[in-house]
Amino acid sequence: MYEPEVIELIEYCQELEGEVLEKKIEDTYSKEEIYLQILKEIYDSCDKTLTDDQLSERFKEIPRVDFKEAVINLKKYMGAVSQMYGFML
């Protein structure tokens, strides 16, 4: 019914379609890993900031944490990461 060249092209297109779907799935998992890593970094940073503030309050050896500055830095970090990975915040 079809010429051999047409059949070959159809098979090639189906093969490419499969590769595109696999790539989309890989990209999705890659983005999930990036999101997870960013959330872990933010969580750890918040935890460390709170611990530092507790220590500075208790021992008064270092100045207390400036939470306004901490939030500004967190916002800058999230903006830089979102720009780097093409996320829209």
C-alpha atoms as a PDB file:
ATOM      1  CA  MET A   1       0.000   0.000   0.000  1.00  0.00           C
ATOM      2  CA  TYR A   2       2.735   2.479   0.976  1.00  0.00           C
ATOM      3  CA  GLU A   3       6.089   2.852  -0.650  1.00  0.00           C
ATOM      4  CA  PRO A   4       9.037   1.470   1.384  1.00  0.00           C
ATOM      5  CA  GLU A   5      10.405   4.985   1.860  1.00  0.00           C
ATOM      6  CA  VAL A   6       7.084   6.149   3.339  1.00  0.00           C
ATOM      7  CA  ILE A   7       6.964   3.188   5.709  1.00  0.00           C
ATOM      8  CA  GLU A   8      10.547   3.909   6.759  1.00  0.00           C
ATOM      9  CA  LEU A   9       9.679   7.571   7.423  1.00  0.00           C
ATOM     10  CA  ILE A  10       6.617   6.609   9.472  1.00  0.00           C
ATOM     11  CA  GLU A  11       8.687   4.227  11.592  1.00  0.00           C
ATOM     12  CA  TYR A  12      11.355   6.893  12.057  1.00  0.00           C
ATOM     13  CA  CYS A  13       8.716   9.438  13.159  1.00  0.00           C
ATOM     14  CA  GLN A  14       7.280   6.960  15.672  1.00  0.00           C
ATOM     15  CA  GLU A  15      10.765   6.330  17.049  1.00  0.00           C
ATOM     16  CA  LEU A  16      11.381  10.075  17.432  1.00  0.00           C
ATOM     17  CA  GLU A  17       8.016  10.514  19.107  1.00  0.00           C
ATOM     18  CA  GLY A  18       8.995   7.905  21.694  1.00  0.00           C
ATOM     19  CA  GLU A  19      12.306   9.669  22.338  1.00  0.00           C
ATOM     20  CA  VAL A  20      10.536  13.019  22.810  1.00  0.00           C
ATOM     21  CA  LEU A  21       8.159  11.497  25.359  1.00  0.00           C
ATOM     22  CA  GLU A  22      11.081   9.914  27.245  1.00  0.00           C
ATOM     23  CA  LYS A  23      12.883  13.268  27.290  1.00  0.00           C
ATOM     24  CA  LYS A  24       9.800  15.039  28.665  1.00  0.00           C
ATOM     25  CA  ILE A  25       9.562  12.479  31.468  1.00  0.00           C
ATOM     26  CA  GLU A  26      13.280  12.896  32.274  1.00  0.00           C
ATOM     27  CA  ASP A  27      12.918  16.697  32.335  1.00  0.00           C
ATOM     28  CA  THR A  28       9.996  16.423  34.750  1.00  0.00           C
ATOM     29  CA  TYR A  29      12.027  14.305  37.172  1.00  0.00           C
ATOM     30  CA  SER A  30      14.981  16.645  36.794  1.00  0.00           C
ATOM     31  CA  LYS A  31      12.828  19.648  37.748  1.00  0.00           C
ATOM     32  CA  GLU A  32      11.434  17.771  40.735  1.00  0.00           C
ATOM     33  CA  GLU A  33      14.965  17.068  41.943  1.00  0.00           C
ATOM     34  CA  ILE A  34      15.909  20.728  41.546  1.00  0.00           C
ATOM     35  CA  TYR A  35      12.800  21.847  43.455  1.00  0.00           C
ATOM     36  CA  LEU A  36      13.546  19.354  46.219  1.00  0.00           C
ATOM     37  CA  GLN A  37      17.166  20.484  46.507  1.00  0.00           C
ATOM     38  CA  ILE A  38      16.128  24.164  46.658  1.00  0.00           C
ATOM     39  CA  LEU A  39      13.543  23.449  49.346  1.00  0.00           C
ATOM     40  CA  LYS A  40      16.112  21.526  51.398  1.00  0.00           C
ATOM     41  CA  GLU A  41      18.578  24.414  51.138  1.00  0.00           C
ATOM     42  CA  ILE A  42      15.929  26.938  52.204  1.00  0.00           C
ATOM     43  CA  TYR A  43      14.808  24.734  55.103  1.00  0.00           C
ATOM     44  CA  ASP A  44      18.381  24.197  56.306  1.00  0.00           C
ATOM     45  CA  SER A  45      19.117  27.915  56.002  1.00  0.00           C
ATOM     46  CA  CYS A  46      16.037  28.834  58.062  1.00  0.00           C
ATOM     47  CA  ASP A  47      16.962  26.234  60.661  1.00  0.00           C
ATOM     48  CA  LYS A  48      20.529  27.577  60.923  1.00  0.00           C
ATOM     49  CA  THR A  49      19.309  31.177  61.164  1.00  0.00           C
ATOM     50  CA  LEU A  50      16.967  30.332  64.035  1.00  0.00           C
ATOM     51  CA  THR A  51      19.699  28.378  65.829  1.00  0.00           C
ATOM     52  CA  ASP A  52      22.140  31.277  65.409  1.00  0.00           C
ATOM     53  CA  ASP A  53      19.573  33.679  66.848  1.00  0.00           C
ATOM     54  CA  GLN A  54      18.957  31.433  69.861  1.00  0.00           C
ATOM     55  CA  LEU A  55      22.696  31.207  70.539  1.00  0.00           C
ATOM     56  CA  SER A  56      23.206  34.946  70.193  1.00  0.00           C
ATOM     57  CA  GLU A  57      20.313  35.595  72.565  1.00  0.00           C
ATOM     58  CA  ARG A  58      21.630  33.117  75.121  1.00  0.00           C
ATOM     59  CA  PHE A  59      25.342  33.957  75.101  1.00  0.00           C
ATOM     60  CA  LYS A  60      25.273  37.549  73.803  1.00  0.00           C
ATOM     61  CA  GLU A  61      28.673  37.006  72.147  1.00  0.00           C
ATOM     62  CA  ILE A  62      27.484  37.681  68.617  1.00  0.00           C
ATOM     63  CA  PRO A  63      24.859  40.130  67.377  1.00  0.00           C
ATOM     64  CA  ARG A  64      21.304  38.875  67.002  1.00  0.00           C
ATOM     65  CA  VAL A  65      20.106  37.793  63.592  1.00  0.00           C
ATOM     66  CA  ASP A  66      18.655  40.564  61.464  1.00  0.00           C
ATOM     67  CA  PHE A  67      15.577  38.748  60.181  1.00  0.00           C
ATOM     68  CA  LYS A  68      14.727  41.478  57.716  1.00  0.00           C
ATOM     69  CA  GLU A  69      18.136  41.040  56.089  1.00  0.00           C
ATOM     70  CA  ALA A  70      17.735  37.243  56.202  1.00  0.00           C
ATOM     71  CA  VAL A  71      14.396  37.436  54.373  1.00  0.00           C
ATOM     72  CA  ILE A  72      15.848  39.855  51.804  1.00  0.00           C
ATOM     73  CA  ASN A  73      18.751  37.454  51.178  1.00  0.00           C
ATOM     74  CA  LEU A  74      16.356  34.504  50.891  1.00  0.00           C
ATOM     75  CA  LYS A  75      14.283  36.402  48.339  1.00  0.00           C
ATOM     76  CA  LYS A  76      17.424  37.262  46.330  1.00  0.00           C
ATOM     77  CA  TYR A  77      18.527  33.610  46.417  1.00  0.00           C
ATOM     78  CA  MET A  78      15.135  32.373  45.247  1.00  0.00           C
ATOM     79  CA  GLY A  79      15.106  34.975  42.458  1.00  0.00           C
ATOM     80  CA  ALA A  80      18.584  33.965  41.293  1.00  0.00           C
ATOM     81  CA  VAL A  81      17.741  30.260  41.322  1.00  0.00           C
ATOM     82  CA  SER A  82      14.446  30.779  39.514  1.00  0.00           C
ATOM     83  CA  GLN A  83      16.228  32.811  36.833  1.00  0.00           C
ATOM     84  CA  MET A  84      19.001  30.223  36.530  1.00  0.00           C
ATOM     85  CA  TYR A  85      16.580  27.328  35.990  1.00  0.00           C
ATOM     86  CA  GLY A  86      13.909  29.278  34.120  1.00  0.00           C
ATOM     87  CA  PHE A  87      11.253  29.007  36.828  1.00  0.00           C
ATOM     88  CA  MET A  88       8.649  31.701  37.127  1.00  0.00           C
ATOM     89  CA  LEU A  89       7.977  32.914  40.659  1.00  0.00           C
END
